[in-house]
Amino acid sequence: MYYIVGLGNPGEKYSNTRHNVGWLALDYFLVENQLPAFVSSKQFSGKVTEGVVAESEVKVLYPDTYMNNSGSAVVKFVPKDDISKLIVVHDDIDLPFGEVKIGKGRGAGGNNGVQSIIEKLDSRDFVRVRIGIAPKSLWSGEIKRPAGGGPLERFVLKPFGLLEKKDLPELYKKVQLAIELIISEGVEKAMNKVN
């Protein structure tokens, strides 16, 4: 059994923001893999669905907690013995928009949702699918990371721009393939193919 968790913030106000790209990508993943619609679960503090992907059973969680408290839902969702089978899908401000990377056993990298999960599980031994949201300079092509604090928080809570929106389906497809590779071929092979 694999446990897939998308990070985001509940509420209409946040639904199409950069910080919620983990949820948006999982929406696409559920449809492409024909998983049932999710149901609200008080037990797991979120919306849950389950099914079969790449011939393995999966359970999917969208925590109802805010991003910074994601760990309180995840700790109820993933059995202690199965932490290595947890896949967390989230935004990453240190990756350029459109890039997807797989990692395992790493620190939070400044993502408060991931930090919350590490603290509540008391473990880093889970897989992360990181989705780039950093803007690129039109001139140099380099990442323009917003400054920490206010500017960064405002940036991640903004919706995607028009040009980015056109590229979102392709980005969601990359995330879908990354998750399917992790499940079908294992983390190492998936990292070699995706990263």
C-alpha atoms as a PDB file:
ATOM      1  CA  MET A   1       0.000   0.000   0.000  1.00  0.00           C
ATOM      2  CA  TYR A   2       1.267   3.469  -0.937  1.00  0.00           C
ATOM      3  CA  TYR A   3       0.057   6.570   0.890  1.00  0.00           C
ATOM      4  CA  ILE A   4      -0.088   9.703  -1.269  1.00  0.00           C
ATOM      5  CA  VAL A   5      -0.585  13.104   0.360  1.00  0.00           C
ATOM      6  CA  GLY A   6      -1.037  16.400  -1.458  1.00  0.00           C
ATOM      7  CA  LEU A   7      -0.197  19.594   0.411  1.00  0.00           C
ATOM      8  CA  GLY A   8      -2.353  22.688   0.162  1.00  0.00           C
ATOM      9  CA  ASN A   9      -4.655  25.040   2.028  1.00  0.00           C
ATOM     10  CA  PRO A  10      -8.407  24.424   2.315  1.00  0.00           C
ATOM     11  CA  GLY A  11     -10.924  27.033   1.186  1.00  0.00           C
ATOM     12  CA  GLU A  12     -11.980  28.674  -2.072  1.00  0.00           C
ATOM     13  CA  LYS A  13      -9.617  31.599  -1.496  1.00  0.00           C
ATOM     14  CA  TYR A  14      -6.574  29.306  -1.883  1.00  0.00           C
ATOM     15  CA  SER A  15      -7.894  26.788  -4.397  1.00  0.00           C
ATOM     16  CA  ASN A  16      -5.913  27.897  -7.471  1.00  0.00           C
ATOM     17  CA  THR A  17      -2.818  29.333  -5.806  1.00  0.00           C
ATOM     18  CA  ARG A  18       0.781  28.211  -6.294  1.00  0.00           C
ATOM     19  CA  HIS A  19       0.863  26.822  -2.746  1.00  0.00           C
ATOM     20  CA  ASN A  20      -1.967  24.435  -3.698  1.00  0.00           C
ATOM     21  CA  VAL A  21      -0.245  22.953  -6.753  1.00  0.00           C
ATOM     22  CA  GLY A  22       0.145  19.653  -4.843  1.00  0.00           C
ATOM     23  CA  TRP A  23      -3.645  19.359  -4.639  1.00  0.00           C
ATOM     24  CA  LEU A  24      -4.157  20.518  -8.226  1.00  0.00           C
ATOM     25  CA  ALA A  25      -1.677  17.927  -9.516  1.00  0.00           C
ATOM     26  CA  LEU A  26      -3.355  15.192  -7.475  1.00  0.00           C
ATOM     27  CA  ASP A  27      -6.761  16.158  -8.912  1.00  0.00           C
ATOM     28  CA  TYR A  28      -5.304  15.388 -12.352  1.00  0.00           C
ATOM     29  CA  PHE A  29      -3.670  12.176 -11.060  1.00  0.00           C
ATOM     30  CA  LEU A  30      -6.986  10.890  -9.632  1.00  0.00           C
ATOM     31  CA  VAL A  31      -8.834  11.457 -12.908  1.00  0.00           C
ATOM     32  CA  GLU A  32      -6.093   9.894 -15.069  1.00  0.00           C
ATOM     33  CA  ASN A  33      -5.974   6.810 -12.834  1.00  0.00           C
ATOM     34  CA  GLN A  34      -9.778   6.621 -12.559  1.00  0.00           C
ATOM     35  CA  LEU A  35      -9.744   6.667  -8.770  1.00  0.00           C
ATOM     36  CA  PRO A  36     -13.091   7.251  -7.044  1.00  0.00           C
ATOM     37  CA  ALA A  37     -14.099  10.727  -5.887  1.00  0.00           C
ATOM     38  CA  PHE A  38     -12.733  11.483  -2.434  1.00  0.00           C
ATOM     39  CA  VAL A  39     -14.857  11.488   0.709  1.00  0.00           C
ATOM     40  CA  SER A  40     -14.443  13.604   3.828  1.00  0.00           C
ATOM     41  CA  SER A  41     -12.877  11.736   6.736  1.00  0.00           C
ATOM     42  CA  LYS A  42     -12.900  13.078  10.293  1.00  0.00           C
ATOM     43  CA  GLN A  43     -10.621  10.167  11.254  1.00  0.00           C
ATOM     44  CA  PHE A  44      -7.846  11.391   8.926  1.00  0.00           C
ATOM     45  CA  SER A  45      -8.648  15.149   9.056  1.00  0.00           C
ATOM     46  CA  GLY A  46      -9.105  15.443   5.324  1.00  0.00           C
ATOM     47  CA  LYS A  47     -10.524  14.084   2.091  1.00  0.00           C
ATOM     48  CA  VAL A  48      -9.595  10.505   1.232  1.00  0.00           C
ATOM     49  CA  THR A  49      -9.859   8.117  -1.695  1.00  0.00           C
ATOM     50  CA  GLU A  50      -8.268   4.788  -2.509  1.00  0.00           C
ATOM     51  CA  GLY A  51      -7.800   2.448  -5.432  1.00  0.00           C
ATOM     52  CA  VAL A  52      -5.162   0.739  -7.555  1.00  0.00           C
ATOM     53  CA  VAL A  53      -2.353   2.507  -9.448  1.00  0.00           C
ATOM     54  CA  ALA A  54       0.352   0.635 -11.372  1.00  0.00           C
ATOM     55  CA  GLU A  55      -0.949  -2.631  -9.863  1.00  0.00           C
ATOM     56  CA  SER A  56      -0.455  -1.399  -6.279  1.00  0.00           C
ATOM     57  CA  GLU A  57      -3.046  -0.296  -3.755  1.00  0.00           C
ATOM     58  CA  VAL A  58      -2.946   3.412  -2.947  1.00  0.00           C
ATOM     59  CA  LYS A  59      -4.669   5.676  -0.434  1.00  0.00           C
ATOM     60  CA  VAL A  60      -4.755   9.392  -1.161  1.00  0.00           C
ATOM     61  CA  LEU A  61      -5.206  12.214   1.374  1.00  0.00           C
ATOM     62  CA  TYR A  62      -5.867  15.938   0.969  1.00  0.00           C
ATOM     63  CA  PRO A  63      -5.463  17.237   4.544  1.00  0.00           C
ATOM     64  CA  ASP A  64      -8.159  19.674   5.753  1.00  0.00           C
ATOM     65  CA  THR A  65      -5.569  21.275   8.006  1.00  0.00           C
ATOM     66  CA  TYR A  66      -3.753  24.343   6.757  1.00  0.00           C
ATOM     67  CA  MET A  67      -0.423  23.689   5.029  1.00  0.00           C
ATOM     68  CA  ASN A  68       1.657  24.519   8.129  1.00  0.00           C
ATOM     69  CA  ASN A  69      -0.165  21.860  10.156  1.00  0.00           C
ATOM     70  CA  SER A  70      -0.235  19.063   7.543  1.00  0.00           C
ATOM     71  CA  GLY A  71       1.630  16.673   9.836  1.00  0.00           C
ATOM     72  CA  SER A  72      -1.303  16.417  12.252  1.00  0.00           C
ATOM     73  CA  ALA A  73      -3.394  14.790   9.480  1.00  0.00           C
ATOM     74  CA  VAL A  74      -0.570  12.719   7.971  1.00  0.00           C
ATOM     75  CA  VAL A  75       0.378  11.129  11.304  1.00  0.00           C
ATOM     76  CA  LYS A  76      -3.173   9.710  11.546  1.00  0.00           C
ATOM     77  CA  PHE A  77      -3.156   8.567   7.906  1.00  0.00           C
ATOM     78  CA  VAL A  78       0.134   6.659   7.574  1.00  0.00           C
ATOM     79  CA  PRO A  79       0.901   3.686   9.851  1.00  0.00           C
ATOM     80  CA  LYS A  80       4.288   4.029  11.617  1.00  0.00           C
ATOM     81  CA  ASP A  81       5.643   0.945   9.818  1.00  0.00           C
ATOM     82  CA  ASP A  82       4.755   2.335   6.382  1.00  0.00           C
ATOM     83  CA  ILE A  83       6.402   5.779   6.460  1.00  0.00           C
ATOM     84  CA  SER A  84       8.784   4.735   3.658  1.00  0.00           C
ATOM     85  CA  LYS A  85       5.659   4.164   1.468  1.00  0.00           C
ATOM     86  CA  LEU A  86       4.479   7.765   1.957  1.00  0.00           C
ATOM     87  CA  ILE A  87       4.628  10.063  -1.100  1.00  0.00           C
ATOM     88  CA  VAL A  88       4.144  13.780  -0.348  1.00  0.00           C
ATOM     89  CA  VAL A  89       3.318  16.027  -3.331  1.00  0.00           C
ATOM     90  CA  HIS A  90       4.031  19.731  -2.780  1.00  0.00           C
ATOM     91  CA  ASP A  91       5.131  23.066  -4.220  1.00  0.00           C
ATOM     92  CA  ASP A  92       8.813  24.064  -4.140  1.00  0.00           C
ATOM     93  CA  ILE A  93       9.902  27.701  -4.406  1.00  0.00           C
ATOM     94  CA  ASP A  94      13.519  26.659  -5.095  1.00  0.00           C
ATOM     95  CA  LEU A  95      12.624  24.879  -8.350  1.00  0.00           C
ATOM     96  CA  PRO A  96      11.706  26.785 -11.510  1.00  0.00           C
ATOM     97  CA  PHE A  97       8.083  26.613 -12.590  1.00  0.00           C
ATOM     98  CA  GLY A  98       7.481  23.477 -14.644  1.00  0.00           C
ATOM     99  CA  GLU A  99      10.190  21.298 -13.086  1.00  0.00           C
ATOM    100  CA  VAL A 100       9.406  18.188 -11.053  1.00  0.00           C
ATOM    101  CA  LYS A 101      11.932  16.438  -8.797  1.00  0.00           C
ATOM    102  CA  ILE A 102      11.730  13.361  -6.601  1.00  0.00           C
ATOM    103  CA  GLY A 103      13.558  13.201  -3.273  1.00  0.00           C
ATOM    104  CA  LYS A 104      13.655  10.951  -0.240  1.00  0.00           C
ATOM    105  CA  GLY A 105      14.974  11.352   3.290  1.00  0.00           C
ATOM    106  CA  ARG A 106      15.726  15.066   2.939  1.00  0.00           C
ATOM    107  CA  GLY A 107      14.964  18.075   5.097  1.00  0.00           C
ATOM    108  CA  ALA A 108      11.972  20.352   4.574  1.00  0.00           C
ATOM    109  CA  GLY A 109      13.765  22.799   2.275  1.00  0.00           C
ATOM    110  CA  GLY A 110      11.808  25.691   3.776  1.00  0.00           C
ATOM    111  CA  ASN A 111       8.378  24.143   3.118  1.00  0.00           C
ATOM    112  CA  ASN A 112       6.391  24.450   6.356  1.00  0.00           C
ATOM    113  CA  GLY A 113       3.989  21.664   5.379  1.00  0.00           C
ATOM    114  CA  VAL A 114       6.861  19.214   4.904  1.00  0.00           C
ATOM    115  CA  GLN A 115       8.462  20.432   8.148  1.00  0.00           C
ATOM    116  CA  SER A 116       5.206  19.733   9.984  1.00  0.00           C
ATOM    117  CA  ILE A 117       5.135  16.183   8.557  1.00  0.00           C
ATOM    118  CA  ILE A 118       8.777  15.514   9.543  1.00  0.00           C
ATOM    119  CA  GLU A 119       8.061  16.719  13.092  1.00  0.00           C
ATOM    120  CA  LYS A 120       4.822  14.752  13.562  1.00  0.00           C
ATOM    121  CA  LEU A 121       6.183  11.514  12.046  1.00  0.00           C
ATOM    122  CA  ASP A 122       9.564  12.019  13.715  1.00  0.00           C
ATOM    123  CA  SER A 123      11.049  10.804  10.421  1.00  0.00           C
ATOM    124  CA  ARG A 124      12.323  12.053   7.063  1.00  0.00           C
ATOM    125  CA  ASP A 125      12.099   8.584   5.523  1.00  0.00           C
ATOM    126  CA  PHE A 126       9.354   9.430   3.027  1.00  0.00           C
ATOM    127  CA  VAL A 127       9.292  10.331  -0.653  1.00  0.00           C
ATOM    128  CA  ARG A 128       8.666  13.854  -1.886  1.00  0.00           C
ATOM    129  CA  VAL A 129       7.478  14.905  -5.313  1.00  0.00           C
ATOM    130  CA  ARG A 130       8.539  18.553  -5.511  1.00  0.00           C
ATOM    131  CA  ILE A 131       6.737  20.790  -8.012  1.00  0.00           C
ATOM    132  CA  GLY A 132       8.584  23.929  -9.099  1.00  0.00           C
ATOM    133  CA  ILE A 133       6.711  27.210  -8.725  1.00  0.00           C
ATOM    134  CA  ALA A 134       9.568  29.746  -8.836  1.00  0.00           C
ATOM    135  CA  PRO A 135       9.286  32.413 -11.521  1.00  0.00           C
ATOM    136  CA  LYS A 136      11.994  32.628 -14.196  1.00  0.00           C
ATOM    137  CA  SER A 137      13.412  35.850 -15.525  1.00  0.00           C
ATOM    138  CA  LEU A 138      12.211  36.411 -19.099  1.00  0.00           C
ATOM    139  CA  TRP A 139      15.662  37.777 -19.990  1.00  0.00           C
ATOM    140  CA  SER A 140      18.136  35.423 -18.321  1.00  0.00           C
ATOM    141  CA  GLY A 141      15.953  32.363 -17.692  1.00  0.00           C
ATOM    142  CA  GLU A 142      17.222  32.308 -14.094  1.00  0.00           C
ATOM    143  CA  ILE A 143      14.983  31.755 -11.078  1.00  0.00           C
ATOM    144  CA  LYS A 144      13.783  34.927  -9.361  1.00  0.00           C
ATOM    145  CA  ARG A 145      13.063  33.655  -5.840  1.00  0.00           C
ATOM    146  CA  PRO A 146      10.930  36.138  -3.884  1.00  0.00           C
ATOM    147  CA  ALA A 147      12.499  37.383  -0.641  1.00  0.00           C
ATOM    148  CA  GLY A 148      11.616  35.530   2.556  1.00  0.00           C
ATOM    149  CA  GLY A 149       8.796  36.696   4.813  1.00  0.00           C
ATOM    150  CA  GLY A 150       6.042  38.897   3.366  1.00  0.00           C
ATOM    151  CA  PRO A 151       6.985  38.854  -0.347  1.00  0.00           C
ATOM    152  CA  LEU A 152       7.453  35.078  -0.355  1.00  0.00           C
ATOM    153  CA  GLU A 153       4.169  34.418   1.468  1.00  0.00           C
ATOM    154  CA  ARG A 154       2.304  36.747  -0.884  1.00  0.00           C
ATOM    155  CA  PHE A 155       3.871  35.051  -3.918  1.00  0.00           C
ATOM    156  CA  VAL A 156       2.979  31.456  -2.979  1.00  0.00           C
ATOM    157  CA  LEU A 157      -0.607  32.483  -2.205  1.00  0.00           C
ATOM    158  CA  LYS A 158      -1.116  34.081  -5.630  1.00  0.00           C
ATOM    159  CA  PRO A 159      -2.761  32.303  -8.574  1.00  0.00           C
ATOM    160  CA  PHE A 160      -0.639  31.205 -11.531  1.00  0.00           C
ATOM    161  CA  GLY A 161      -0.125  33.714 -14.350  1.00  0.00           C
ATOM    162  CA  LEU A 162      -1.749  33.309 -17.776  1.00  0.00           C
ATOM    163  CA  LEU A 163       1.332  31.805 -19.434  1.00  0.00           C
ATOM    164  CA  GLU A 164       1.850  29.424 -16.511  1.00  0.00           C
ATOM    165  CA  LYS A 165      -1.797  28.312 -16.631  1.00  0.00           C
ATOM    166  CA  LYS A 166      -1.309  27.146 -20.221  1.00  0.00           C
ATOM    167  CA  ASP A 167       1.569  24.920 -19.072  1.00  0.00           C
ATOM    168  CA  LEU A 168      -0.184  23.454 -16.009  1.00  0.00           C
ATOM    169  CA  PRO A 169      -1.632  20.351 -17.757  1.00  0.00           C
ATOM    170  CA  GLU A 170       1.882  19.402 -18.909  1.00  0.00           C
ATOM    171  CA  LEU A 171       3.188  19.955 -15.374  1.00  0.00           C
ATOM    172  CA  TYR A 172       0.417  17.791 -13.896  1.00  0.00           C
ATOM    173  CA  LYS A 173       1.278  15.053 -16.397  1.00  0.00           C
ATOM    174  CA  LYS A 174       4.911  15.111 -15.186  1.00  0.00           C
ATOM    175  CA  VAL A 175       3.734  14.726 -11.587  1.00  0.00           C
ATOM    176  CA  GLN A 176       1.428  11.863 -12.564  1.00  0.00           C
ATOM    177  CA  LEU A 177       4.272  10.018 -14.298  1.00  0.00           C
ATOM    178  CA  ALA A 178       6.622  10.642 -11.358  1.00  0.00           C
ATOM    179  CA  ILE A 179       4.147   9.110  -8.876  1.00  0.00           C
ATOM    180  CA  GLU A 180       3.417   6.164 -11.166  1.00  0.00           C
ATOM    181  CA  LEU A 181       7.165   5.488 -11.604  1.00  0.00           C
ATOM    182  CA  ILE A 182       7.736   5.567  -7.832  1.00  0.00           C
ATOM    183  CA  ILE A 183       4.970   2.991  -7.393  1.00  0.00           C
ATOM    184  CA  SER A 184       5.864   0.738 -10.335  1.00  0.00           C
ATOM    185  CA  GLU A 185       9.673   0.888 -10.347  1.00  0.00           C
ATOM    186  CA  GLY A 186      10.739   2.169  -6.919  1.00  0.00           C
ATOM    187  CA  VAL A 187      12.152   5.499  -5.776  1.00  0.00           C
ATOM    188  CA  GLU A 188      15.714   5.076  -7.069  1.00  0.00           C
ATOM    189  CA  LYS A 189      14.709   4.267 -10.653  1.00  0.00           C
ATOM    190  CA  ALA A 190      12.027   6.973 -10.589  1.00  0.00           C
ATOM    191  CA  MET A 191      14.606   9.549  -9.443  1.00  0.00           C
ATOM    192  CA  ASN A 192      16.994   8.508 -12.227  1.00  0.00           C
ATOM    193  CA  LYS A 193      14.270   8.958 -14.842  1.00  0.00           C
ATOM    194  CA  VAL A 194      12.602  12.115 -13.499  1.00  0.00           C
ATOM    195  CA  ASN A 195      15.448  14.116 -11.947  1.00  0.00           C
END
